[in-house]
Amino acid sequence: MNISTRIETFSSEKIFHLTAVNIRDVQLDIKRLLVPINDDQIEEASIFLKIVSGNLNVKVTKKFSAKMEQMTKKKPSKKITI
């Protein structure tokens, strides 16, 4: 999905850059059998969900990267999906 030009795609310190957004609509239809004393009855309901994920590019300084690697024993990721 294209990102609107009205949305700021960079974080305040320019570390993260939003490059893509994916949106999915999900509908769950549920039927439940109610068993009262005299009459069986079916209850129906629907749940609507919107699932959104985004892809980010990560750009950090060499100093920040070295500090992260020292603390976590890993280099910071260059790309992240949230």
PDB file of N, CA and C in Angstrom:
ATOM      1  N   MET A   1       0.840  -1.170   0.000  1.00  0.00           N
ATOM      2  CA  MET A   1       0.000   0.000   0.000  1.00  0.00           C
ATOM      3  C   MET A   1       0.886   1.236   0.000  1.00  0.00           C
ATOM      4  N   ASN A   2       0.513   2.228  -0.787  1.00  0.00           N
ATOM      5  CA  ASN A   2       1.264   3.471  -0.809  1.00  0.00           C
ATOM      6  C   ASN A   2       1.037   4.250   0.476  1.00  0.00           C
ATOM      7  N   ILE A   3       2.088   4.881   0.957  1.00  0.00           N
ATOM      8  CA  ILE A   3       2.006   5.682   2.173  1.00  0.00           C
ATOM      9  C   ILE A   3       1.634   7.107   1.784  1.00  0.00           C
ATOM     10  N   SER A   4       0.631   7.651   2.432  1.00  0.00           N
ATOM     11  CA  SER A   4       0.171   9.013   2.153  1.00  0.00           C
ATOM     12  C   SER A   4       1.296  10.014   2.399  1.00  0.00           C
ATOM     13  N   THR A   5       1.349  11.038   1.579  1.00  0.00           N
ATOM     14  CA  THR A   5       2.362  12.078   1.748  1.00  0.00           C
ATOM     15  C   THR A   5       2.099  12.910   3.005  1.00  0.00           C
ATOM     16  N   ARG A   6       0.909  12.804   3.573  1.00  0.00           N
ATOM     17  CA  ARG A   6       0.585  13.521   4.811  1.00  0.00           C
ATOM     18  C   ARG A   6       1.188  12.851   6.041  1.00  0.00           C
ATOM     19  N   ILE A   7       1.656  11.623   5.894  1.00  0.00           N
ATOM     20  CA  ILE A   7       2.236  10.888   7.017  1.00  0.00           C
ATOM     21  C   ILE A   7       3.747  11.088   7.020  1.00  0.00           C
ATOM     22  N   GLU A   8       4.271  11.438   8.179  1.00  0.00           N
ATOM     23  CA  GLU A   8       5.722  11.575   8.338  1.00  0.00           C
ATOM     24  C   GLU A   8       6.315  10.170   8.397  1.00  0.00           C
ATOM     25  N   THR A   9       7.210   9.860   7.487  1.00  0.00           N
ATOM     26  CA  THR A   9       7.744   8.500   7.408  1.00  0.00           C
ATOM     27  C   THR A   9       9.057   8.324   8.164  1.00  0.00           C
ATOM     28  N   PHE A  10       9.616   9.407   8.697  1.00  0.00           N
ATOM     29  CA  PHE A  10      10.841   9.318   9.486  1.00  0.00           C
ATOM     30  C   PHE A  10      10.535   9.555  10.956  1.00  0.00           C
ATOM     31  N   SER A  11      11.257   8.842  11.833  1.00  0.00           N
ATOM     32  CA  SER A  11      11.148   9.105  13.267  1.00  0.00           C
ATOM     33  C   SER A  11      11.803  10.442  13.574  1.00  0.00           C
ATOM     34  N   SER A  12      11.581  10.946  14.775  1.00  0.00           N
ATOM     35  CA  SER A  12      12.069  12.284  15.130  1.00  0.00           C
ATOM     36  C   SER A  12      13.587  12.413  15.015  1.00  0.00           C
ATOM     37  N   GLU A  13      14.323  11.348  15.286  1.00  0.00           N
ATOM     38  CA  GLU A  13      15.782  11.416  15.197  1.00  0.00           C
ATOM     39  C   GLU A  13      16.302  10.803  13.893  1.00  0.00           C
ATOM     40  N   LYS A  14      15.403  10.516  12.970  1.00  0.00           N
ATOM     41  CA  LYS A  14      15.746   9.965  11.648  1.00  0.00           C
ATOM     42  C   LYS A  14      16.408   8.587  11.717  1.00  0.00           C
ATOM     43  N   ILE A  15      16.180   7.869  12.822  1.00  0.00           N
ATOM     44  CA  ILE A  15      16.726   6.514  12.943  1.00  0.00           C
ATOM     45  C   ILE A  15      15.874   5.529  12.146  1.00  0.00           C
ATOM     46  N   PHE A  16      14.550   5.691  12.216  1.00  0.00           N
ATOM     47  CA  PHE A  16      13.633   4.785  11.534  1.00  0.00           C
ATOM     48  C   PHE A  16      12.973   5.479  10.361  1.00  0.00           C
ATOM     49  N   HIS A  17      12.852   4.745   9.247  1.00  0.00           N
ATOM     50  CA  HIS A  17      12.160   5.256   8.065  1.00  0.00           C
ATOM     51  C   HIS A  17      11.122   4.227   7.633  1.00  0.00           C
ATOM     52  N   LEU A  18       9.847   4.617   7.685  1.00  0.00           N
ATOM     53  CA  LEU A  18       8.750   3.740   7.283  1.00  0.00           C
ATOM     54  C   LEU A  18       8.733   3.642   5.762  1.00  0.00           C
ATOM     55  N   THR A  19       8.928   2.436   5.241  1.00  0.00           N
ATOM     56  CA  THR A  19       9.017   2.260   3.790  1.00  0.00           C
ATOM     57  C   THR A  19       7.793   1.596   3.181  1.00  0.00           C
ATOM     58  N   ALA A  20       7.033   0.844   3.981  1.00  0.00           N
ATOM     59  CA  ALA A  20       5.853   0.161   3.443  1.00  0.00           C
ATOM     60  C   ALA A  20       4.855  -0.114   4.562  1.00  0.00           C
ATOM     61  N   VAL A  21       3.575  -0.151   4.170  1.00  0.00           N
ATOM     62  CA  VAL A  21       2.494  -0.463   5.105  1.00  0.00           C
ATOM     63  C   VAL A  21       1.603  -1.515   4.450  1.00  0.00           C
ATOM     64  N   ASN A  22       1.270  -2.547   5.211  1.00  0.00           N
ATOM     65  CA  ASN A  22       0.365  -3.590   4.734  1.00  0.00           C
ATOM     66  C   ASN A  22      -0.841  -3.645   5.655  1.00  0.00           C
ATOM     67  N   ILE A  23      -2.042  -3.617   5.057  1.00  0.00           N
ATOM     68  CA  ILE A  23      -3.281  -3.656   5.843  1.00  0.00           C
ATOM     69  C   ILE A  23      -4.132  -4.817   5.356  1.00  0.00           C
ATOM     70  N   ARG A  24      -4.605  -5.616   6.319  1.00  0.00           N
ATOM     71  CA  ARG A  24      -5.494  -6.738   5.988  1.00  0.00           C
ATOM     72  C   ARG A  24      -6.749  -6.627   6.822  1.00  0.00           C
ATOM     73  N   ASP A  25      -7.878  -6.902   6.203  1.00  0.00           N
ATOM     74  CA  ASP A  25      -9.150  -6.967   6.915  1.00  0.00           C
ATOM     75  C   ASP A  25      -9.471  -8.436   7.172  1.00  0.00           C
ATOM     76  N   VAL A  26      -9.862  -8.726   8.404  1.00  0.00           N
ATOM     77  CA  VAL A  26     -10.187 -10.096   8.790  1.00  0.00           C
ATOM     78  C   VAL A  26     -11.569 -10.089   9.431  1.00  0.00           C
ATOM     79  N   GLN A  27     -12.394 -11.058   9.048  1.00  0.00           N
ATOM     80  CA  GLN A  27     -13.718 -11.201   9.652  1.00  0.00           C
ATOM     81  C   GLN A  27     -13.833 -12.612  10.207  1.00  0.00           C
ATOM     82  N   LEU A  28     -14.211 -12.708  11.471  1.00  0.00           N
ATOM     83  CA  LEU A  28     -14.461 -13.997  12.106  1.00  0.00           C
ATOM     84  C   LEU A  28     -15.955 -14.112  12.367  1.00  0.00           C
ATOM     85  N   ASP A  29     -16.558 -15.149  11.812  1.00  0.00           N
ATOM     86  CA  ASP A  29     -17.980 -15.411  12.045  1.00  0.00           C
ATOM     87  C   ASP A  29     -18.088 -16.560  13.035  1.00  0.00           C
ATOM     88  N   ILE A  30     -18.882 -16.355  14.062  1.00  0.00           N
ATOM     89  CA  ILE A  30     -18.978 -17.326  15.145  1.00  0.00           C
ATOM     90  C   ILE A  30     -20.431 -17.744  15.347  1.00  0.00           C
ATOM     91  N   LYS A  31     -20.631 -19.044  15.497  1.00  0.00           N
ATOM     92  CA  LYS A  31     -21.945 -19.574  15.850  1.00  0.00           C
ATOM     93  C   LYS A  31     -21.769 -20.387  17.118  1.00  0.00           C
ATOM     94  N   ARG A  32     -22.667 -20.167  18.061  1.00  0.00           N
ATOM     95  CA  ARG A  32     -22.590 -20.847  19.346  1.00  0.00           C
ATOM     96  C   ARG A  32     -23.958 -21.411  19.676  1.00  0.00           C
ATOM     97  N   LEU A  33     -23.986 -22.653  20.025  1.00  0.00           N
ATOM     98  CA  LEU A  33     -25.238 -23.319  20.382  1.00  0.00           C
ATOM     99  C   LEU A  33     -25.505 -23.099  21.866  1.00  0.00           C
ATOM    100  N   LEU A  34     -26.627 -22.457  22.136  1.00  0.00           N
ATOM    101  CA  LEU A  34     -27.053 -22.254  23.521  1.00  0.00           C
ATOM    102  C   LEU A  34     -28.027 -23.368  23.874  1.00  0.00           C
ATOM    103  N   VAL A  35     -27.861 -23.965  25.009  1.00  0.00           N
ATOM    104  CA  VAL A  35     -28.710 -25.086  25.385  1.00  0.00           C
ATOM    105  C   VAL A  35     -29.464 -24.741  26.668  1.00  0.00           C
ATOM    106  N   PRO A  36     -30.563 -24.012  26.539  1.00  0.00           N
ATOM    107  CA  PRO A  36     -31.394 -23.776  27.717  1.00  0.00           C
ATOM    108  C   PRO A  36     -32.262 -25.014  28.000  1.00  0.00           C
ATOM    109  N   ILE A  37     -33.042 -24.949  29.030  1.00  0.00           N
ATOM    110  CA  ILE A  37     -33.845 -26.107  29.463  1.00  0.00           C
ATOM    111  C   ILE A  37     -34.881 -26.525  28.416  1.00  0.00           C
ATOM    112  N   ASN A  38     -35.587 -25.560  27.799  1.00  0.00           N
ATOM    113  CA  ASN A  38     -36.687 -25.915  26.912  1.00  0.00           C
ATOM    114  C   ASN A  38     -36.371 -25.842  25.419  1.00  0.00           C
ATOM    115  N   ASP A  39     -35.488 -24.956  24.995  1.00  0.00           N
ATOM    116  CA  ASP A  39     -35.344 -24.702  23.558  1.00  0.00           C
ATOM    117  C   ASP A  39     -33.884 -24.473  23.195  1.00  0.00           C
ATOM    118  N   ASP A  40     -33.409 -25.170  22.162  1.00  0.00           N
ATOM    119  CA  ASP A  40     -32.051 -24.929  21.668  1.00  0.00           C
ATOM    120  C   ASP A  40     -32.049 -23.657  20.820  1.00  0.00           C
ATOM    121  N   GLN A  41     -31.032 -22.882  20.986  1.00  0.00           N
ATOM    122  CA  GLN A  41     -30.965 -21.609  20.277  1.00  0.00           C
ATOM    123  C   GLN A  41     -29.524 -21.398  19.811  1.00  0.00           C
ATOM    124  N   ILE A  42     -29.374 -20.838  18.610  1.00  0.00           N
ATOM    125  CA  ILE A  42     -28.043 -20.552  18.073  1.00  0.00           C
ATOM    126  C   ILE A  42     -27.813 -19.046  18.117  1.00  0.00           C
ATOM    127  N   GLU A  43     -26.703 -18.683  18.687  1.00  0.00           N
ATOM    128  CA  GLU A  43     -26.314 -17.274  18.744  1.00  0.00           C
ATOM    129  C   GLU A  43     -25.213 -17.065  17.700  1.00  0.00           C
ATOM    130  N   GLU A  44     -25.335 -16.010  16.894  1.00  0.00           N
ATOM    131  CA  GLU A  44     -24.340 -15.707  15.866  1.00  0.00           C
ATOM    132  C   GLU A  44     -23.750 -14.334  16.124  1.00  0.00           C
ATOM    133  N   ALA A  45     -22.465 -14.215  15.828  1.00  0.00           N
ATOM    134  CA  ALA A  45     -21.784 -12.932  15.993  1.00  0.00           C
ATOM    135  C   ALA A  45     -20.637 -12.856  14.997  1.00  0.00           C
ATOM    136  N   SER A  46     -20.238 -11.645  14.668  1.00  0.00           N
ATOM    137  CA  SER A  46     -19.096 -11.419  13.784  1.00  0.00           C
ATOM    138  C   SER A  46     -18.135 -10.457  14.461  1.00  0.00           C
ATOM    139  N   ILE A  47     -16.870 -10.709  14.253  1.00  0.00           N
ATOM    140  CA  ILE A  47     -15.821  -9.837  14.752  1.00  0.00           C
ATOM    141  C   ILE A  47     -15.022  -9.359  13.544  1.00  0.00           C
ATOM    142  N   PHE A  48     -14.811  -8.057  13.462  1.00  0.00           N
ATOM    143  CA  PHE A  48     -14.055  -7.482  12.359  1.00  0.00           C
ATOM    144  C   PHE A  48     -12.738  -6.940  12.894  1.00  0.00           C
ATOM    145  N   LEU A  49     -11.637  -7.353  12.280  1.00  0.00           N
ATOM    146  CA  LEU A  49     -10.309  -6.920  12.702  1.00  0.00           C
ATOM    147  C   LEU A  49      -9.573  -6.286  11.524  1.00  0.00           C
ATOM    148  N   LYS A  50      -8.702  -5.367  11.822  1.00  0.00           N
ATOM    149  CA  LYS A  50      -7.821  -4.790  10.818  1.00  0.00           C
ATOM    150  C   LYS A  50      -6.399  -5.059  11.314  1.00  0.00           C
ATOM    151  N   ILE A  51      -5.628  -5.780  10.522  1.00  0.00           N
ATOM    152  CA  ILE A  51      -4.256  -6.126  10.892  1.00  0.00           C
ATOM    153  C   ILE A  51      -3.323  -5.264  10.046  1.00  0.00           C
ATOM    154  N   VAL A  52      -2.462  -4.516  10.728  1.00  0.00           N
ATOM    155  CA  VAL A  52      -1.567  -3.585  10.040  1.00  0.00           C
ATOM    156  C   VAL A  52      -0.126  -3.922  10.390  1.00  0.00           C
ATOM    157  N   SER A  53       0.736  -3.957   9.394  1.00  0.00           N
ATOM    158  CA  SER A  53       2.165  -4.113   9.635  1.00  0.00           C
ATOM    159  C   SER A  53       2.911  -3.090   8.791  1.00  0.00           C
ATOM    160  N   GLY A  54       4.099  -2.769   9.236  1.00  0.00           N
ATOM    161  CA  GLY A  54       4.901  -1.794   8.517  1.00  0.00           C
ATOM    162  C   GLY A  54       6.348  -2.240   8.439  1.00  0.00           C
ATOM    163  N   ASN A  55       7.018  -1.849   7.371  1.00  0.00           N
ATOM    164  CA  ASN A  55       8.432  -2.142   7.201  1.00  0.00           C
ATOM    165  C   ASN A  55       9.232  -0.871   7.459  1.00  0.00           C
ATOM    166  N   LEU A  56      10.276  -1.013   8.251  1.00  0.00           N
ATOM    167  CA  LEU A  56      11.119   0.121   8.600  1.00  0.00           C
ATOM    168  C   LEU A  56      12.558  -0.142   8.198  1.00  0.00           C
ATOM    169  N   ASN A  57      13.219   0.875   7.667  1.00  0.00           N
ATOM    170  CA  ASN A  57      14.666   0.847   7.508  1.00  0.00           C
ATOM    171  C   ASN A  57      15.254   1.499   8.747  1.00  0.00           C
ATOM    172  N   VAL A  58      16.368   0.962   9.228  1.00  0.00           N
ATOM    173  CA  VAL A  58      17.007   1.476  10.430  1.00  0.00           C
ATOM    174  C   VAL A  58      18.381   2.015  10.047  1.00  0.00           C
ATOM    175  N   LYS A  59      18.661   3.240  10.474  1.00  0.00           N
ATOM    176  CA  LYS A  59      19.948   3.861  10.170  1.00  0.00           C
ATOM    177  C   LYS A  59      20.487   4.495  11.451  1.00  0.00           C
ATOM    178  N   VAL A  60      21.563   3.905  11.975  1.00  0.00           N
ATOM    179  CA  VAL A  60      22.173   4.412  13.200  1.00  0.00           C
ATOM    180  C   VAL A  60      23.636   4.762  12.941  1.00  0.00           C
ATOM    181  N   THR A  61      24.190   5.585  13.818  1.00  0.00           N
ATOM    182  CA  THR A  61      25.594   5.965  13.685  1.00  0.00           C
ATOM    183  C   THR A  61      26.481   4.776  14.045  1.00  0.00           C
ATOM    184  N   LYS A  62      27.731   4.842  13.627  1.00  0.00           N
ATOM    185  CA  LYS A  62      28.684   3.778  13.955  1.00  0.00           C
ATOM    186  C   LYS A  62      28.881   3.678  15.464  1.00  0.00           C
ATOM    187  N   LYS A  63      28.872   4.817  16.139  1.00  0.00           N
ATOM    188  CA  LYS A  63      29.041   4.837  17.590  1.00  0.00           C
ATOM    189  C   LYS A  63      27.869   4.137  18.275  1.00  0.00           C
ATOM    190  N   PHE A  64      26.659   4.452  17.852  1.00  0.00           N
ATOM    191  CA  PHE A  64      25.465   3.826  18.408  1.00  0.00           C
ATOM    192  C   PHE A  64      25.475   2.323  18.116  1.00  0.00           C
ATOM    193  N   SER A  65      25.847   1.951  16.894  1.00  0.00           N
ATOM    194  CA  SER A  65      25.896   0.543  16.509  1.00  0.00           C
ATOM    195  C   SER A  65      26.901  -0.218  17.373  1.00  0.00           C
ATOM    196  N   ALA A  66      28.064   0.388  17.618  1.00  0.00           N
ATOM    197  CA  ALA A  66      29.085  -0.262  18.444  1.00  0.00           C
ATOM    198  C   ALA A  66      28.582  -0.447  19.874  1.00  0.00           C
ATOM    199  N   LYS A  67      27.880   0.561  20.394  1.00  0.00           N
ATOM    200  CA  LYS A  67      27.343   0.472  21.752  1.00  0.00           C
ATOM    201  C   LYS A  67      26.286  -0.635  21.846  1.00  0.00           C
ATOM    202  N   MET A  68      25.399  -0.714  20.857  1.00  0.00           N
ATOM    203  CA  MET A  68      24.374  -1.763  20.834  1.00  0.00           C
ATOM    204  C   MET A  68      25.019  -3.143  20.759  1.00  0.00           C
ATOM    205  N   GLU A  69      26.036  -3.270  19.924  1.00  0.00           N
ATOM    206  CA  GLU A  69      26.703  -4.560  19.778  1.00  0.00           C
ATOM    207  C   GLU A  69      27.403  -4.957  21.081  1.00  0.00           C
ATOM    208  N   GLN A  70      27.965  -3.986  21.767  1.00  0.00           N
ATOM    209  CA  GLN A  70      28.622  -4.251  23.037  1.00  0.00           C
ATOM    210  C   GLN A  70      27.608  -4.728  24.079  1.00  0.00           C
ATOM    211  N   MET A  71      26.434  -4.100  24.103  1.00  0.00           N
ATOM    212  CA  MET A  71      25.416  -4.429  25.105  1.00  0.00           C
ATOM    213  C   MET A  71      24.662  -5.708  24.784  1.00  0.00           C
ATOM    214  N   THR A  72      24.335  -5.939  23.522  1.00  0.00           N
ATOM    215  CA  THR A  72      23.467  -7.065  23.160  1.00  0.00           C
ATOM    216  C   THR A  72      24.211  -8.201  22.448  1.00  0.00           C
ATOM    217  N   LYS A  73      25.470  -7.971  22.117  1.00  0.00           N
ATOM    218  CA  LYS A  73      26.281  -8.948  21.357  1.00  0.00           C
ATOM    219  C   LYS A  73      25.761  -9.139  19.935  1.00  0.00           C
ATOM    220  N   LYS A  74      24.946  -8.185  19.474  1.00  0.00           N
ATOM    221  CA  LYS A  74      24.419  -8.224  18.106  1.00  0.00           C
ATOM    222  C   LYS A  74      24.463  -6.821  17.518  1.00  0.00           C
ATOM    223  N   LYS A  75      24.639  -6.754  16.211  1.00  0.00           N
ATOM    224  CA  LYS A  75      24.541  -5.465  15.534  1.00  0.00           C
ATOM    225  C   LYS A  75      23.065  -5.113  15.374  1.00  0.00           C
ATOM    226  N   PRO A  76      22.736  -3.822  15.358  1.00  0.00           N
ATOM    227  CA  PRO A  76      21.332  -3.442  15.129  1.00  0.00           C
ATOM    228  C   PRO A  76      20.869  -3.895  13.732  1.00  0.00           C
ATOM    229  N   SER A  77      19.621  -4.259  13.645  1.00  0.00           N
ATOM    230  CA  SER A  77      19.056  -4.677  12.351  1.00  0.00           C
ATOM    231  C   SER A  77      19.004  -3.488  11.412  1.00  0.00           C
ATOM    232  N   LYS A  78      19.149  -3.740  10.124  1.00  0.00           N
ATOM    233  CA  LYS A  78      19.032  -2.676   9.126  1.00  0.00           C
ATOM    234  C   LYS A  78      17.579  -2.517   8.663  1.00  0.00           C
ATOM    235  N   LYS A  79      16.790  -3.589   8.835  1.00  0.00           N
ATOM    236  CA  LYS A  79      15.367  -3.565   8.460  1.00  0.00           C
ATOM    237  C   LYS A  79      14.561  -4.250   9.554  1.00  0.00           C
ATOM    238  N   ILE A  80      13.362  -3.699   9.817  1.00  0.00           N
ATOM    239  CA  ILE A  80      12.487  -4.248  10.854  1.00  0.00           C
ATOM    240  C   ILE A  80      11.060  -4.260  10.312  1.00  0.00           C
ATOM    241  N   THR A  81      10.298  -5.283  10.668  1.00  0.00           N
ATOM    242  CA  THR A  81       8.861  -5.318  10.386  1.00  0.00           C
ATOM    243  C   THR A  81       8.134  -5.249  11.730  1.00  0.00           C
ATOM    244  N   ILE A  82       7.175  -4.298  11.821  1.00  0.00           N
ATOM    245  CA  ILE A  82       6.397  -4.173  13.054  1.00  0.00           C
ATOM    246  C   ILE A  82       4.942  -4.434  12.749  1.00  0.00           C
TER     247      ILE A  82
END
